[in-house]
Amino acid sequence: MKAFAYERATSPAQAAQLVAARSDARFIAGGTNLLDLMKLRIEAPALVVDVNRLDLDRIEDTAEGGLRIGTLVRNADLAADARVRERYPVLSRALLAGASGQLRNKATTGGNLLQRTRCYYFYDPSKPCNKRAPGSGCSAIGGFNRNHAVLGASEHCIATHPSDMAVAMRVLDAQVETVAGDGAGRVIPIADFHRLPGDTPDIETTLRHGEFITSVLLPPPPPGRQVYRKVRDRASYAFALVSLAAIVDAGDGVVRAARLAFGGLAHKPWRAPAAEDALRDAKLGEQAFNAAGDAVLRGARGHGHNDFKIPLVRRVLAGVLAQACQPRGTP
């Protein structure tokens, strides 16, 4: 690991100011992703700003009936919170589907949103990767790409975003609250937070350098049954091949409304508004499943090893919709 300087922030604004002042500075909280990248010298910050002592580890009710989740709330604590389990079970289930218990005890809410891709070539400095070294090429295109994107990709990058939590946050229409180095705050809709790769896959979010996530705001939960399903190569400690966070309001065999967000398919959590429109007031059954699947997969493209994801999306979607439309009290 390359040597680096260390400072402990005393306030969110100071943390943002310290990192904004130099391009080679990074925040550290749980460190479950950053430290691995530093060991491989994929990330080599000259200054690491520790934010762990900031008073940002609480979950608070909002006047509107939602929750404000501090950026330092650990994934294990967020998943176990009674309010989250009761009102946002899709979020609790997504968190519990991620990583291991030990990592969830360290990983933070803000850090989870900022996870970098687990593409094999990104983690191998001997291989070209536009995300790691812009302009060098994308080794996954034409290489081994089983875990890679089938939606929203570009000729420069076909990596996927690895977070389970972010997929649930996307279906819940969360907002990300930040503070910048000049002390200015802003609120970023989760839909606008992560970026597609385009021709700049190294720019992964809409955060400015030094901008610090202080909290995530959840609106009141929408009506409907919440489901999270994750398909992966093994039962635990594996990233999604395809995952789906769904909130489905249904009754008497008819879907009144649905929200769908997918993981494992794109460079960001993938919301499917066209599929949601296709399901509105639709009679539950094969015709509705097919119409929604067609809408989700519009423009989908496999790259060889990941072609299986396209039919898998249809099966996952049909299974989740069938589960969500079962009578209350059914597991």
C-alpha atoms as a PDB file:
ATOM      1  CA  MET A   1       0.000   0.000   0.000  1.00  0.00           C
ATOM      2  CA  LYS A   2       1.292   3.450  -0.888  1.00  0.00           C
ATOM      3  CA  ALA A   3       2.008   5.767   2.068  1.00  0.00           C
ATOM      4  CA  PHE A   4      -0.621   8.415   2.783  1.00  0.00           C
ATOM      5  CA  ALA A   5      -1.403  11.241   5.206  1.00  0.00           C
ATOM      6  CA  TYR A   6      -4.313  10.938   7.627  1.00  0.00           C
ATOM      7  CA  GLU A   7      -6.668  13.486   9.159  1.00  0.00           C
ATOM      8  CA  ARG A   8      -9.737  13.038  11.357  1.00  0.00           C
ATOM      9  CA  ALA A   9     -12.633  15.346  10.469  1.00  0.00           C
ATOM     10  CA  THR A  10     -14.502  17.178  13.223  1.00  0.00           C
ATOM     11  CA  SER A  11     -17.536  18.237  11.154  1.00  0.00           C
ATOM     12  CA  PRO A  12     -19.124  17.334   7.801  1.00  0.00           C
ATOM     13  CA  ALA A  13     -18.192  20.729   6.354  1.00  0.00           C
ATOM     14  CA  GLN A  14     -14.566  20.339   7.450  1.00  0.00           C
ATOM     15  CA  ALA A  15     -14.419  16.837   5.964  1.00  0.00           C
ATOM     16  CA  ALA A  16     -15.716  18.172   2.654  1.00  0.00           C
ATOM     17  CA  GLN A  17     -13.289  21.086   2.752  1.00  0.00           C
ATOM     18  CA  LEU A  18     -10.273  18.853   3.424  1.00  0.00           C
ATOM     19  CA  VAL A  19     -11.043  16.545   0.508  1.00  0.00           C
ATOM     20  CA  ALA A  20     -12.112  19.314  -1.867  1.00  0.00           C
ATOM     21  CA  ALA A  21      -8.793  21.088  -1.341  1.00  0.00           C
ATOM     22  CA  ARG A  22      -6.795  18.377  -3.130  1.00  0.00           C
ATOM     23  CA  SER A  23      -7.591  15.954  -5.941  1.00  0.00           C
ATOM     24  CA  ASP A  24      -5.716  13.073  -4.307  1.00  0.00           C
ATOM     25  CA  ALA A  25      -7.772  13.018  -1.070  1.00  0.00           C
ATOM     26  CA  ARG A  26     -10.498  10.524  -0.153  1.00  0.00           C
ATOM     27  CA  PHE A  27     -13.010  10.032   2.669  1.00  0.00           C
ATOM     28  CA  ILE A  28     -12.876   6.855   4.712  1.00  0.00           C
ATOM     29  CA  ALA A  29     -15.569   5.387   6.965  1.00  0.00           C
ATOM     30  CA  GLY A  30     -15.968   1.586   7.045  1.00  0.00           C
ATOM     31  CA  GLY A  31     -13.276   1.181   4.410  1.00  0.00           C
ATOM     32  CA  THR A  32     -14.732  -2.096   3.155  1.00  0.00           C
ATOM     33  CA  ASN A  33     -14.158  -1.095  -0.475  1.00  0.00           C
ATOM     34  CA  LEU A  34     -11.558   1.670  -0.333  1.00  0.00           C
ATOM     35  CA  LEU A  35      -8.947  -0.302   1.611  1.00  0.00           C
ATOM     36  CA  ASP A  36      -9.054  -3.178  -0.887  1.00  0.00           C
ATOM     37  CA  LEU A  37      -8.575  -0.706  -3.732  1.00  0.00           C
ATOM     38  CA  MET A  38      -5.681   0.960  -1.916  1.00  0.00           C
ATOM     39  CA  LYS A  39      -3.941  -2.369  -1.356  1.00  0.00           C
ATOM     40  CA  LEU A  40      -4.090  -3.009  -5.096  1.00  0.00           C
ATOM     41  CA  ARG A  41      -3.066   0.620  -5.818  1.00  0.00           C
ATOM     42  CA  ILE A  42      -6.182   1.116  -7.881  1.00  0.00           C
ATOM     43  CA  GLU A  43      -6.883   3.933  -5.457  1.00  0.00           C
ATOM     44  CA  ALA A  44      -3.767   5.695  -4.143  1.00  0.00           C
ATOM     45  CA  PRO A  45      -4.890   8.730  -2.119  1.00  0.00           C
ATOM     46  CA  ALA A  46      -2.183  10.936  -0.655  1.00  0.00           C
ATOM     47  CA  LEU A  47      -4.624  12.041   2.068  1.00  0.00           C
ATOM     48  CA  VAL A  48      -7.311   9.981   3.788  1.00  0.00           C
ATOM     49  CA  VAL A  49      -9.929  11.906   5.790  1.00  0.00           C
ATOM     50  CA  ASP A  50     -11.544   9.818   8.533  1.00  0.00           C
ATOM     51  CA  VAL A  51     -15.229  10.697   9.072  1.00  0.00           C
ATOM     52  CA  ASN A  52     -16.065   7.990  11.624  1.00  0.00           C
ATOM     53  CA  ARG A  53     -16.251  10.364  14.622  1.00  0.00           C
ATOM     54  CA  LEU A  54     -18.947  12.566  13.054  1.00  0.00           C
ATOM     55  CA  ASP A  55     -22.418  12.485  14.594  1.00  0.00           C
ATOM     56  CA  LEU A  56     -24.051  10.964  11.531  1.00  0.00           C
ATOM     57  CA  ASP A  57     -24.909   7.464  12.718  1.00  0.00           C
ATOM     58  CA  ARG A  58     -28.591   7.910  13.596  1.00  0.00           C
ATOM     59  CA  ILE A  59     -31.882   6.961  11.957  1.00  0.00           C
ATOM     60  CA  GLU A  60     -34.523   9.632  12.527  1.00  0.00           C
ATOM     61  CA  ASP A  61     -38.210   9.921  11.687  1.00  0.00           C
ATOM     62  CA  THR A  62     -39.173  12.845   9.469  1.00  0.00           C
ATOM     63  CA  ALA A  63     -42.261  15.003   9.845  1.00  0.00           C
ATOM     64  CA  GLU A  64     -43.542  13.673   6.503  1.00  0.00           C
ATOM     65  CA  GLY A  65     -43.530  10.068   7.725  1.00  0.00           C
ATOM     66  CA  GLY A  66     -40.239   8.972   6.197  1.00  0.00           C
ATOM     67  CA  LEU A  67     -36.779   8.347   7.602  1.00  0.00           C
ATOM     68  CA  ARG A  68     -33.487  10.244   7.533  1.00  0.00           C
ATOM     69  CA  ILE A  69     -30.565   7.796   7.612  1.00  0.00           C
ATOM     70  CA  GLY A  70     -27.192   9.185   8.641  1.00  0.00           C
ATOM     71  CA  THR A  71     -24.358   8.398   6.277  1.00  0.00           C
ATOM     72  CA  LEU A  72     -22.473   6.518   9.022  1.00  0.00           C
ATOM     73  CA  VAL A  73     -25.340   4.181   9.931  1.00  0.00           C
ATOM     74  CA  ARG A  74     -23.876   0.714   9.525  1.00  0.00           C
ATOM     75  CA  ASN A  75     -25.595  -1.662   7.128  1.00  0.00           C
ATOM     76  CA  ALA A  76     -26.284  -4.196   9.901  1.00  0.00           C
ATOM     77  CA  ASP A  77     -27.940  -1.546  12.089  1.00  0.00           C
ATOM     78  CA  LEU A  78     -30.031  -0.219   9.221  1.00  0.00           C
ATOM     79  CA  ALA A  79     -31.267  -3.698   8.277  1.00  0.00           C
ATOM     80  CA  ALA A  80     -32.187  -4.456  11.911  1.00  0.00           C
ATOM     81  CA  ASP A  81     -33.977  -1.173  12.686  1.00  0.00           C
ATOM     82  CA  ALA A  82     -37.629  -1.883  13.563  1.00  0.00           C
ATOM     83  CA  ARG A  83     -38.901   1.061  11.496  1.00  0.00           C
ATOM     84  CA  VAL A  84     -37.010  -0.117   8.420  1.00  0.00           C
ATOM     85  CA  ARG A  85     -38.172  -3.711   8.836  1.00  0.00           C
ATOM     86  CA  GLU A  86     -41.800  -2.648   9.222  1.00  0.00           C
ATOM     87  CA  ARG A  87     -42.078   0.210   6.725  1.00  0.00           C
ATOM     88  CA  TYR A  88     -39.284  -0.515   4.235  1.00  0.00           C
ATOM     89  CA  PRO A  89     -38.792  -4.314   4.259  1.00  0.00           C
ATOM     90  CA  VAL A  90     -37.392  -4.214   0.712  1.00  0.00           C
ATOM     91  CA  LEU A  91     -34.452  -2.203   2.071  1.00  0.00           C
ATOM     92  CA  SER A  92     -33.863  -4.508   5.024  1.00  0.00           C
ATOM     93  CA  ARG A  93     -33.921  -7.580   2.781  1.00  0.00           C
ATOM     94  CA  ALA A  94     -31.584  -6.001   0.237  1.00  0.00           C
ATOM     95  CA  LEU A  95     -29.068  -5.140   2.944  1.00  0.00           C
ATOM     96  CA  LEU A  96     -29.167  -8.649   4.380  1.00  0.00           C
ATOM     97  CA  ALA A  97     -28.576 -10.068   0.896  1.00  0.00           C
ATOM     98  CA  GLY A  98     -25.301  -8.148   0.600  1.00  0.00           C
ATOM     99  CA  ALA A  99     -21.793  -9.144   1.651  1.00  0.00           C
ATOM    100  CA  SER A 100     -21.338 -10.946   4.990  1.00  0.00           C
ATOM    101  CA  GLY A 101     -22.343 -10.194   8.570  1.00  0.00           C
ATOM    102  CA  GLN A 102     -18.843  -8.986   9.369  1.00  0.00           C
ATOM    103  CA  LEU A 103     -18.813  -6.549   6.455  1.00  0.00           C
ATOM    104  CA  ARG A 104     -22.334  -5.307   7.208  1.00  0.00           C
ATOM    105  CA  ASN A 105     -21.131  -4.460  10.731  1.00  0.00           C
ATOM    106  CA  LYS A 106     -18.540  -2.071   9.215  1.00  0.00           C
ATOM    107  CA  ALA A 107     -20.020  -0.875   5.929  1.00  0.00           C
ATOM    108  CA  THR A 108     -21.875   2.452   6.016  1.00  0.00           C
ATOM    109  CA  THR A 109     -24.910   3.826   4.220  1.00  0.00           C
ATOM    110  CA  GLY A 110     -22.954   6.493   2.349  1.00  0.00           C
ATOM    111  CA  GLY A 111     -20.110   4.146   1.502  1.00  0.00           C
ATOM    112  CA  ASN A 112     -22.482   1.519   0.177  1.00  0.00           C
ATOM    113  CA  LEU A 113     -23.846   3.989  -2.376  1.00  0.00           C
ATOM    114  CA  LEU A 114     -20.296   4.769  -3.488  1.00  0.00           C
ATOM    115  CA  GLN A 115     -19.098   1.202  -4.013  1.00  0.00           C
ATOM    116  CA  ARG A 116     -17.044   0.786  -7.133  1.00  0.00           C
ATOM    117  CA  THR A 117     -17.638  -2.006  -9.623  1.00  0.00           C
ATOM    118  CA  ARG A 118     -16.427  -5.536  -8.964  1.00  0.00           C
ATOM    119  CA  CYS A 119     -15.442  -6.038 -12.631  1.00  0.00           C
ATOM    120  CA  TYR A 120     -12.503  -8.450 -12.721  1.00  0.00           C
ATOM    121  CA  TYR A 121     -10.564  -6.252 -15.135  1.00  0.00           C
ATOM    122  CA  PHE A 122     -11.045  -3.119 -13.020  1.00  0.00           C
ATOM    123  CA  TYR A 123      -9.379  -4.992 -10.156  1.00  0.00           C
ATOM    124  CA  ASP A 124      -6.472  -6.208 -12.329  1.00  0.00           C
ATOM    125  CA  PRO A 125      -3.991  -3.376 -12.970  1.00  0.00           C
ATOM    126  CA  SER A 126      -2.317  -5.427 -15.686  1.00  0.00           C
ATOM    127  CA  LYS A 127      -5.443  -5.233 -17.884  1.00  0.00           C
ATOM    128  CA  PRO A 128      -6.842  -2.233 -19.790  1.00  0.00           C
ATOM    129  CA  CYS A 129      -9.840  -0.611 -18.105  1.00  0.00           C
ATOM    130  CA  ASN A 130     -11.396   2.725 -19.022  1.00  0.00           C
ATOM    131  CA  LYS A 131     -12.830   3.087 -15.533  1.00  0.00           C
ATOM    132  CA  ARG A 132      -9.412   2.753 -13.934  1.00  0.00           C
ATOM    133  CA  ALA A 133      -7.301   4.283 -16.716  1.00  0.00           C
ATOM    134  CA  PRO A 134      -9.457   6.370 -19.095  1.00  0.00           C
ATOM    135  CA  GLY A 135      -8.686   5.746 -22.751  1.00  0.00           C
ATOM    136  CA  SER A 136      -6.997   2.381 -22.218  1.00  0.00           C
ATOM    137  CA  GLY A 137      -9.941   0.251 -23.405  1.00  0.00           C
ATOM    138  CA  CYS A 138     -12.493  -2.142 -21.908  1.00  0.00           C
ATOM    139  CA  SER A 139     -11.155  -5.663 -21.449  1.00  0.00           C
ATOM    140  CA  ALA A 140     -14.593  -7.032 -20.550  1.00  0.00           C
ATOM    141  CA  ILE A 141     -15.842  -6.380 -24.079  1.00  0.00           C
ATOM    142  CA  GLY A 142     -14.650  -9.516 -25.818  1.00  0.00           C
ATOM    143  CA  GLY A 143     -13.359 -10.905 -22.525  1.00  0.00           C
ATOM    144  CA  PHE A 144     -15.004 -12.834 -19.699  1.00  0.00           C
ATOM    145  CA  ASN A 145     -18.146 -10.843 -18.925  1.00  0.00           C
ATOM    146  CA  ARG A 146     -20.532 -13.147 -17.034  1.00  0.00           C
ATOM    147  CA  ASN A 147     -21.309 -10.506 -14.393  1.00  0.00           C
ATOM    148  CA  HIS A 148     -21.506  -7.545 -16.738  1.00  0.00           C
ATOM    149  CA  ALA A 149     -24.164  -5.148 -18.002  1.00  0.00           C
ATOM    150  CA  VAL A 150     -26.843  -5.858 -20.595  1.00  0.00           C
ATOM    151  CA  LEU A 151     -28.540  -2.443 -20.266  1.00  0.00           C
ATOM    152  CA  GLY A 152     -27.227   1.121 -20.362  1.00  0.00           C
ATOM    153  CA  ALA A 153     -23.686   0.101 -21.292  1.00  0.00           C
ATOM    154  CA  SER A 154     -21.414   1.746 -23.855  1.00  0.00           C
ATOM    155  CA  GLU A 155     -18.477   0.854 -26.061  1.00  0.00           C
ATOM    156  CA  HIS A 156     -16.263   2.218 -23.283  1.00  0.00           C
ATOM    157  CA  CYS A 157     -17.558   0.178 -20.331  1.00  0.00           C
ATOM    158  CA  ILE A 158     -19.957  -2.696 -19.568  1.00  0.00           C
ATOM    159  CA  ALA A 159     -19.391  -2.830 -15.790  1.00  0.00           C
ATOM    160  CA  THR A 160     -22.276  -3.108 -13.326  1.00  0.00           C
ATOM    161  CA  HIS A 161     -22.934  -1.326 -10.046  1.00  0.00           C
ATOM    162  CA  PRO A 162     -22.561  -3.843  -7.186  1.00  0.00           C
ATOM    163  CA  SER A 163     -24.759  -2.454  -4.388  1.00  0.00           C
ATOM    164  CA  ASP A 164     -27.892  -4.279  -3.218  1.00  0.00           C
ATOM    165  CA  MET A 165     -28.865  -1.403  -0.941  1.00  0.00           C
ATOM    166  CA  ALA A 166     -28.799   1.123  -3.793  1.00  0.00           C
ATOM    167  CA  VAL A 167     -31.313  -0.943  -5.770  1.00  0.00           C
ATOM    168  CA  ALA A 168     -33.771  -0.807  -2.861  1.00  0.00           C
ATOM    169  CA  MET A 169     -33.099   2.912  -2.389  1.00  0.00           C
ATOM    170  CA  ARG A 170     -33.901   3.427  -6.082  1.00  0.00           C
ATOM    171  CA  VAL A 171     -37.278   1.714  -5.889  1.00  0.00           C
ATOM    172  CA  LEU A 172     -38.083   3.776  -2.773  1.00  0.00           C
ATOM    173  CA  ASP A 173     -37.201   7.087  -4.525  1.00  0.00           C
ATOM    174  CA  ALA A 174     -34.644   8.014  -1.870  1.00  0.00           C
ATOM    175  CA  GLN A 175     -32.787  11.323  -1.874  1.00  0.00           C
ATOM    176  CA  VAL A 176     -29.117  11.850  -1.052  1.00  0.00           C
ATOM    177  CA  GLU A 177     -28.247  14.850   1.134  1.00  0.00           C
ATOM    178  CA  THR A 178     -24.737  16.294   0.812  1.00  0.00           C
ATOM    179  CA  VAL A 179     -22.457  19.118   1.876  1.00  0.00           C
ATOM    180  CA  ALA A 180     -19.709  20.581  -0.314  1.00  0.00           C
ATOM    181  CA  GLY A 181     -16.328  22.058   0.514  1.00  0.00           C
ATOM    182  CA  ASP A 182     -17.776  25.584   0.516  1.00  0.00           C
ATOM    183  CA  GLY A 183     -20.415  24.539   3.070  1.00  0.00           C
ATOM    184  CA  ALA A 184     -23.281  24.498   0.575  1.00  0.00           C
ATOM    185  CA  GLY A 185     -25.728  21.623   0.854  1.00  0.00           C
ATOM    186  CA  ARG A 186     -27.907  20.011  -1.756  1.00  0.00           C
ATOM    187  CA  VAL A 187     -30.355  17.143  -2.192  1.00  0.00           C
ATOM    188  CA  ILE A 188     -29.834  14.694  -5.073  1.00  0.00           C
ATOM    189  CA  PRO A 189     -32.627  12.320  -6.152  1.00  0.00           C
ATOM    190  CA  ILE A 190     -31.272   8.779  -6.157  1.00  0.00           C
ATOM    191  CA  ALA A 191     -32.350   8.543  -9.815  1.00  0.00           C
ATOM    192  CA  ASP A 192     -29.762  11.217 -10.661  1.00  0.00           C
ATOM    193  CA  PHE A 193     -27.039  10.116  -8.259  1.00  0.00           C
ATOM    194  CA  HIS A 194     -25.362   7.317 -10.242  1.00  0.00           C
ATOM    195  CA  ARG A 195     -24.297   7.804 -13.862  1.00  0.00           C
ATOM    196  CA  LEU A 196     -24.283   5.549 -16.902  1.00  0.00           C
ATOM    197  CA  PRO A 197     -20.802   5.046 -18.385  1.00  0.00           C
ATOM    198  CA  GLY A 198     -21.117   6.871 -21.703  1.00  0.00           C
ATOM    199  CA  ASP A 199     -17.605   7.896 -22.741  1.00  0.00           C
ATOM    200  CA  THR A 200     -16.528   8.745 -19.154  1.00  0.00           C
ATOM    201  CA  PRO A 201     -16.986   5.524 -17.145  1.00  0.00           C
ATOM    202  CA  ASP A 202     -14.470   6.763 -14.574  1.00  0.00           C
ATOM    203  CA  ILE A 203     -17.044   9.377 -13.447  1.00  0.00           C
ATOM    204  CA  GLU A 204     -19.505   7.212 -11.530  1.00  0.00           C
ATOM    205  CA  THR A 205     -21.767   9.661  -9.674  1.00  0.00           C
ATOM    206  CA  THR A 206     -22.943  13.253  -9.939  1.00  0.00           C
ATOM    207  CA  LEU A 207     -21.046  14.211  -6.772  1.00  0.00           C
ATOM    208  CA  ARG A 208     -18.460  16.931  -7.154  1.00  0.00           C
ATOM    209  CA  HIS A 209     -14.996  16.175  -5.771  1.00  0.00           C
ATOM    210  CA  GLY A 210     -15.065  16.745  -2.034  1.00  0.00           C
ATOM    211  CA  GLU A 211     -18.844  16.670  -1.799  1.00  0.00           C
ATOM    212  CA  PHE A 212     -19.724  14.601   1.253  1.00  0.00           C
ATOM    213  CA  ILE A 213     -22.875  12.516   1.753  1.00  0.00           C
ATOM    214  CA  THR A 214     -24.418  13.419   5.118  1.00  0.00           C
ATOM    215  CA  SER A 215     -27.630  11.375   4.984  1.00  0.00           C
ATOM    216  CA  VAL A 216     -30.137   9.522   2.851  1.00  0.00           C
ATOM    217  CA  LEU A 217     -33.772  10.609   3.023  1.00  0.00           C
ATOM    218  CA  LEU A 218     -36.572   8.077   2.521  1.00  0.00           C
ATOM    219  CA  PRO A 219     -40.068   9.372   1.695  1.00  0.00           C
ATOM    220  CA  PRO A 220     -43.098   7.725   3.304  1.00  0.00           C
ATOM    221  CA  PRO A 221     -43.441   4.144   2.076  1.00  0.00           C
ATOM    222  CA  PRO A 222     -45.741   3.731  -0.935  1.00  0.00           C
ATOM    223  CA  PRO A 223     -48.692   1.325  -0.810  1.00  0.00           C
ATOM    224  CA  GLY A 224     -48.088  -2.242  -1.871  1.00  0.00           C
ATOM    225  CA  ARG A 225     -46.117  -5.334  -1.016  1.00  0.00           C
ATOM    226  CA  GLN A 226     -42.335  -5.002  -1.004  1.00  0.00           C
ATOM    227  CA  VAL A 227     -40.138  -7.801  -2.348  1.00  0.00           C
ATOM    228  CA  TYR A 228     -36.393  -8.145  -2.913  1.00  0.00           C
ATOM    229  CA  ARG A 229     -35.041 -11.083  -4.882  1.00  0.00           C
ATOM    230  CA  LYS A 230     -31.384 -11.687  -5.686  1.00  0.00           C
ATOM    231  CA  VAL A 231     -30.063 -14.336  -8.078  1.00  0.00           C
ATOM    232  CA  ARG A 232     -26.360 -15.083  -7.639  1.00  0.00           C
ATOM    233  CA  ASP A 233     -23.857 -17.854  -8.224  1.00  0.00           C
ATOM    234  CA  ARG A 234     -23.853 -18.976  -4.598  1.00  0.00           C
ATOM    235  CA  ALA A 235     -26.167 -18.563  -1.628  1.00  0.00           C
ATOM    236  CA  SER A 236     -24.153 -15.885   0.194  1.00  0.00           C
ATOM    237  CA  TYR A 237     -21.295 -13.436  -0.169  1.00  0.00           C
ATOM    238  CA  ALA A 238     -21.778 -13.007  -3.908  1.00  0.00           C
ATOM    239  CA  PHE A 239     -22.823 -10.084  -6.082  1.00  0.00           C
ATOM    240  CA  ALA A 240     -26.072 -10.176  -8.033  1.00  0.00           C
ATOM    241  CA  LEU A 241     -26.337 -11.643 -11.490  1.00  0.00           C
ATOM    242  CA  VAL A 242     -29.854 -10.208 -11.510  1.00  0.00           C
ATOM    243  CA  SER A 243     -31.681  -8.655  -8.569  1.00  0.00           C
ATOM    244  CA  LEU A 244     -35.067  -6.989  -8.358  1.00  0.00           C
ATOM    245  CA  ALA A 245     -36.564  -4.642  -5.779  1.00  0.00           C
ATOM    246  CA  ALA A 246     -40.308  -4.373  -6.323  1.00  0.00           C
ATOM    247  CA  ILE A 247     -43.250  -2.636  -4.675  1.00  0.00           C
ATOM    248  CA  VAL A 248     -46.510  -3.963  -6.057  1.00  0.00           C
ATOM    249  CA  ASP A 249     -49.985  -2.732  -5.153  1.00  0.00           C
ATOM    250  CA  ALA A 250     -52.388  -5.449  -6.296  1.00  0.00           C
ATOM    251  CA  GLY A 251     -55.715  -7.012  -5.468  1.00  0.00           C
ATOM    252  CA  ASP A 252     -58.266  -9.382  -7.016  1.00  0.00           C
ATOM    253  CA  GLY A 253     -55.733 -10.511  -9.601  1.00  0.00           C
ATOM    254  CA  VAL A 254     -55.071  -7.000 -10.896  1.00  0.00           C
ATOM    255  CA  VAL A 255     -51.886  -4.945 -10.505  1.00  0.00           C
ATOM    256  CA  ARG A 256     -52.966  -1.433  -9.607  1.00  0.00           C
ATOM    257  CA  ALA A 257     -49.421  -0.034  -9.591  1.00  0.00           C
ATOM    258  CA  ALA A 258     -45.865  -1.320  -9.470  1.00  0.00           C
ATOM    259  CA  ARG A 259     -42.358  -0.005  -8.943  1.00  0.00           C
ATOM    260  CA  LEU A 260     -39.419  -2.034 -10.273  1.00  0.00           C
ATOM    261  CA  ALA A 261     -35.672  -1.497  -9.834  1.00  0.00           C
ATOM    262  CA  PHE A 262     -33.073  -4.005 -11.031  1.00  0.00           C
ATOM    263  CA  GLY A 263     -29.511  -4.703  -9.982  1.00  0.00           C
ATOM    264  CA  GLY A 264     -26.802  -6.604 -11.854  1.00  0.00           C
ATOM    265  CA  LEU A 265     -27.951  -5.270 -15.224  1.00  0.00           C
ATOM    266  CA  ALA A 266     -26.373  -1.837 -15.591  1.00  0.00           C
ATOM    267  CA  HIS A 267     -23.811   0.679 -14.406  1.00  0.00           C
ATOM    268  CA  LYS A 268     -26.439   2.006 -11.958  1.00  0.00           C
ATOM    269  CA  PRO A 269     -29.574   0.654 -10.288  1.00  0.00           C
ATOM    270  CA  TRP A 270     -31.966   0.268 -13.203  1.00  0.00           C
ATOM    271  CA  ARG A 271     -35.508   1.565 -12.748  1.00  0.00           C
ATOM    272  CA  ALA A 272     -37.998   0.351 -15.362  1.00  0.00           C
ATOM    273  CA  PRO A 273     -40.748   2.999 -15.808  1.00  0.00           C
ATOM    274  CA  ALA A 274     -41.962   1.521 -19.102  1.00  0.00           C
ATOM    275  CA  ALA A 275     -42.509  -1.830 -17.390  1.00  0.00           C
ATOM    276  CA  GLU A 276     -44.283  -0.078 -14.521  1.00  0.00           C
ATOM    277  CA  ASP A 277     -46.594   1.572 -17.046  1.00  0.00           C
ATOM    278  CA  ALA A 278     -47.254  -1.786 -18.732  1.00  0.00           C
ATOM    279  CA  LEU A 279     -48.296  -3.295 -15.405  1.00  0.00           C
ATOM    280  CA  ARG A 280     -50.651  -0.498 -14.323  1.00  0.00           C
ATOM    281  CA  ASP A 281     -54.184  -1.912 -14.070  1.00  0.00           C
ATOM    282  CA  ALA A 282     -53.001  -5.113 -15.757  1.00  0.00           C
ATOM    283  CA  LYS A 283     -54.496  -8.507 -15.036  1.00  0.00           C
ATOM    284  CA  LEU A 284     -51.937 -10.738 -13.391  1.00  0.00           C
ATOM    285  CA  GLY A 285     -50.762 -13.460 -15.756  1.00  0.00           C
ATOM    286  CA  GLU A 286     -48.436 -14.430 -18.578  1.00  0.00           C
ATOM    287  CA  GLN A 287     -49.523 -11.594 -20.848  1.00  0.00           C
ATOM    288  CA  ALA A 288     -48.709  -8.966 -18.211  1.00  0.00           C
ATOM    289  CA  PHE A 289     -45.411 -10.687 -17.362  1.00  0.00           C
ATOM    290  CA  ASN A 290     -44.366 -10.730 -21.023  1.00  0.00           C
ATOM    291  CA  ALA A 291     -45.329  -7.115 -21.619  1.00  0.00           C
ATOM    292  CA  ALA A 292     -43.394  -5.981 -18.554  1.00  0.00           C
ATOM    293  CA  GLY A 293     -40.394  -8.121 -19.502  1.00  0.00           C
ATOM    294  CA  ASP A 294     -40.365  -6.687 -23.025  1.00  0.00           C
ATOM    295  CA  ALA A 295     -40.405  -3.177 -21.569  1.00  0.00           C
ATOM    296  CA  VAL A 296     -37.553  -3.854 -19.153  1.00  0.00           C
ATOM    297  CA  LEU A 297     -35.372  -5.439 -21.823  1.00  0.00           C
ATOM    298  CA  ARG A 298     -35.884  -2.864 -24.562  1.00  0.00           C
ATOM    299  CA  GLY A 299     -32.393  -2.215 -25.920  1.00  0.00           C
ATOM    300  CA  ALA A 300     -30.806  -5.044 -23.901  1.00  0.00           C
ATOM    301  CA  ARG A 301     -27.643  -6.548 -25.334  1.00  0.00           C
ATOM    302  CA  GLY A 302     -25.602  -9.484 -24.123  1.00  0.00           C
ATOM    303  CA  HIS A 303     -21.847  -9.708 -24.638  1.00  0.00           C
ATOM    304  CA  GLY A 304     -21.376 -13.461 -24.807  1.00  0.00           C
ATOM    305  CA  HIS A 305     -20.920 -14.902 -21.349  1.00  0.00           C
ATOM    306  CA  ASN A 306     -23.740 -12.764 -19.901  1.00  0.00           C
ATOM    307  CA  ASP A 307     -26.375 -13.505 -22.576  1.00  0.00           C
ATOM    308  CA  PHE A 308     -28.213 -15.668 -20.021  1.00  0.00           C
ATOM    309  CA  LYS A 309     -29.158 -12.546 -18.049  1.00  0.00           C
ATOM    310  CA  ILE A 310     -31.767 -11.552 -20.637  1.00  0.00           C
ATOM    311  CA  PRO A 311     -34.083 -14.572 -20.186  1.00  0.00           C
ATOM    312  CA  LEU A 312     -33.211 -14.608 -16.480  1.00  0.00           C
ATOM    313  CA  VAL A 313     -34.679 -11.097 -16.093  1.00  0.00           C
ATOM    314  CA  ARG A 314     -38.016 -12.396 -17.372  1.00  0.00           C
ATOM    315  CA  ARG A 315     -38.060 -15.299 -14.923  1.00  0.00           C
ATOM    316  CA  VAL A 316     -37.087 -13.145 -11.958  1.00  0.00           C
ATOM    317  CA  LEU A 317     -39.697 -10.533 -12.845  1.00  0.00           C
ATOM    318  CA  ALA A 318     -42.469 -13.111 -13.224  1.00  0.00           C
ATOM    319  CA  GLY A 319     -41.543 -14.776  -9.937  1.00  0.00           C
ATOM    320  CA  VAL A 320     -41.428 -11.508  -8.009  1.00  0.00           C
ATOM    321  CA  LEU A 321     -44.736 -10.294  -9.428  1.00  0.00           C
ATOM    322  CA  ALA A 322     -46.409 -13.592  -8.575  1.00  0.00           C
ATOM    323  CA  GLN A 323     -44.995 -13.432  -5.036  1.00  0.00           C
ATOM    324  CA  ALA A 324     -45.993  -9.802  -4.542  1.00  0.00           C
ATOM    325  CA  CYS A 325     -49.561 -10.496  -5.638  1.00  0.00           C
ATOM    326  CA  GLN A 326     -50.140 -13.384  -3.242  1.00  0.00           C
ATOM    327  CA  PRO A 327     -52.630 -12.791  -0.414  1.00  0.00           C
ATOM    328  CA  ARG A 328     -51.370 -10.996   2.683  1.00  0.00           C
ATOM    329  CA  GLY A 329     -49.779 -13.330   5.183  1.00  0.00           C
ATOM    330  CA  THR A 330     -48.275 -15.539   2.465  1.00  0.00           C
ATOM    331  CA  PRO A 331     -44.446 -15.723   2.821  1.00  0.00           C
END
